[in-house]
Protein backbone atom coordinates (compact mmCIF):
# COMPACT_ATOMS: atom_id res chain seq x y z
CA MET A 1 -29.39 -8.22 -19.81
CA SER A 2 -28.00 -10.69 -17.31
CA THR A 3 -26.25 -9.81 -14.09
CA THR A 4 -23.02 -11.40 -15.29
CA VAL A 5 -22.85 -9.15 -18.34
CA GLU A 6 -23.59 -6.11 -16.19
CA LEU A 7 -20.75 -7.06 -13.83
CA ILE A 8 -18.33 -7.53 -16.71
CA VAL A 9 -19.32 -4.18 -18.25
CA SER A 10 -19.03 -2.48 -14.85
CA ALA A 11 -15.58 -3.99 -14.30
CA PHE A 12 -14.33 -2.72 -17.67
CA LEU A 13 -15.82 0.74 -17.08
CA LEU A 14 -14.34 1.00 -13.58
CA MET A 15 -10.96 -0.24 -14.75
CA GLY A 16 -10.96 2.14 -17.70
CA GLY A 17 -12.08 5.09 -15.62
CA SER A 18 -9.45 4.45 -12.97
CA PHE A 19 -6.66 4.23 -15.57
CA VAL A 20 -7.82 7.48 -17.20
CA LEU A 21 -7.91 9.15 -13.79
CA LEU A 22 -4.40 7.90 -12.93
CA GLY A 23 -3.05 9.01 -16.30
CA SER A 24 -4.56 12.47 -15.89
CA PHE A 25 -3.23 12.75 -12.35
CA GLY A 26 0.24 11.71 -13.56
CA LEU A 27 0.09 14.35 -16.28
CA LEU A 28 -0.51 17.01 -13.64
CA LYS A 29 1.90 15.84 -10.94
CA LEU A 30 4.97 14.42 -12.67
CA PRO A 31 7.97 16.78 -12.67
CA ASP A 32 9.31 17.03 -16.24
CA PHE A 33 8.22 16.61 -19.84
CA PHE A 34 9.56 13.11 -20.38
CA THR A 35 7.93 11.64 -17.28
CA ARG A 36 4.72 13.58 -18.01
CA LEU A 37 4.66 12.08 -21.49
CA HIS A 38 4.72 8.58 -20.04
CA ALA A 39 1.51 8.92 -17.99
CA PRO A 40 -1.03 9.75 -20.72
CA THR A 41 0.45 7.44 -23.33
CA LYS A 42 0.37 4.37 -21.13
CA ALA A 43 -2.38 4.74 -18.57
CA THR A 44 -4.85 6.81 -20.53
CA THR A 45 -4.58 4.63 -23.63
CA LEU A 46 -5.26 1.53 -21.55
CA GLY A 47 -8.12 3.34 -19.79
CA MET A 48 -9.79 4.37 -23.02
CA ALA A 49 -9.44 0.82 -24.32
CA GLY A 50 -11.19 -0.46 -21.16
CA LEU A 51 -14.02 2.04 -21.55
CA LEU A 52 -14.53 1.21 -25.21
CA ILE A 53 -14.42 -2.56 -24.62
CA GLY A 54 -17.02 -2.14 -21.87
CA SER A 55 -19.17 -0.17 -24.30
CA MET A 56 -18.76 -2.88 -26.94
CA ILE A 57 -19.85 -5.61 -24.54
CA TYR A 58 -22.85 -3.57 -23.35
CA PHE A 59 -24.17 -2.83 -26.82
CA PHE A 60 -23.50 -6.39 -27.96
CA ALA A 61 -25.62 -7.71 -25.07
CA ALA A 62 -28.34 -5.06 -25.46
CA GLU A 63 -28.76 -5.05 -29.25
CA GLN A 64 -27.40 -8.53 -30.12
CA ARG A 65 -25.07 -7.20 -32.78
CA LEU A 66 -21.36 -6.42 -32.87
CA MET A 67 -20.49 -2.74 -32.65
CA VAL A 68 -17.53 -2.24 -34.93
CA HIS A 69 -17.19 1.50 -34.18
CA GLU A 70 -15.83 0.93 -30.69
CA LEU A 71 -13.44 -1.76 -31.92
CA LEU A 72 -12.07 0.55 -34.60
CA ILE A 73 -11.68 3.42 -32.14
CA THR A 74 -9.82 1.13 -29.72
CA LEU A 75 -7.47 -0.13 -32.43
CA PHE A 76 -6.87 3.40 -33.69
CA LEU A 77 -5.99 4.63 -30.18
CA LEU A 78 -3.69 1.69 -29.49
CA ILE A 79 -1.84 2.29 -32.76
CA THR A 80 -1.60 6.08 -32.78
CA ALA A 81 -0.81 6.86 -29.11
CA PRO A 82 2.67 5.27 -29.08
CA VAL A 83 3.52 6.87 -32.43
CA SER A 84 2.48 10.34 -31.28
CA ALA A 85 4.37 9.89 -27.98
CA HIS A 86 7.48 8.88 -29.91
CA MET A 87 7.22 11.95 -32.13
CA LEU A 88 6.74 14.23 -29.11
CA ALA A 89 9.78 12.73 -27.40
CA LYS A 90 11.91 13.13 -30.54
CA THR A 91 10.79 16.76 -30.83
CA ALA A 92 11.64 17.35 -27.17
CA LEU A 93 15.11 15.87 -27.74
CA HIS A 94 15.58 18.07 -30.79
CA HIS A 95 14.57 21.20 -28.84
CA ARG A 96 16.74 20.11 -25.89
CA VAL A 97 13.92 20.11 -23.33
CA LYS A 98 15.43 19.81 -19.86
CA SER A 99 14.80 16.81 -17.64
CA ILE A 100 15.31 16.52 -13.91
CA LYS A 101 18.28 14.66 -12.47
CA ARG A 102 16.10 11.82 -11.15
CA THR A 103 14.80 10.94 -14.61
CA HIS A 104 16.07 7.50 -15.62
CA GLY A 105 17.98 7.19 -18.87
CA ARG A 106 19.57 10.63 -18.91
CA GLY A 107 22.65 9.10 -20.54
CA LEU A 108 20.46 7.75 -23.32
CA THR A 109 18.95 11.18 -23.97
CA GLU A 110 22.41 12.74 -24.19
CA ALA A 111 23.54 10.02 -26.62
CA ALA A 112 20.42 10.56 -28.75
CA ARG A 113 21.02 14.31 -28.79
CA GLU A 114 24.60 13.78 -29.96
CA ARG A 115 23.43 11.50 -32.78
CA GLN A 116 20.96 14.13 -33.99
CA VAL A 117 23.63 16.73 -34.69
CA PRO A 118 24.58 16.37 -38.36
CA SER A 119 28.29 16.04 -39.01
CA PHE A 120 29.32 18.38 -41.82
CA SER A 121 32.99 17.51 -41.55
CA GLU A 122 32.68 14.68 -44.07
CA ASP A 123 33.27 15.44 -47.70
CA ARG A 124 29.90 15.21 -49.47
CA SER A 125 31.28 15.39 -52.98
CA GLN A 126 32.18 11.70 -53.05
């Protein structure tokens, strides 16, 4: 394997590892649920994509064939992480999880909570 390929693989692995580390650190240190949810869905997803792309390049250079497994895992992670984060946030809104005063968009969360309450005042027999 050439030195250029090794440098590219190393760059992807270092980038991916640093994003995973930052996402994990953010999960531990951020103050409330909504800000904690942001760290793993953004940084860790990007980090895992970097690690898997580095693995794809390495095995492509070493075995001279395309590894589809890593590509499928990367696509699956990039598709499912935002969906699961959205569902967690909606559940937190439904259960009225508290957020700190410094969290941006507090007005939006209150508006979303008000929209979730069903209005039973309307006549449903029509």
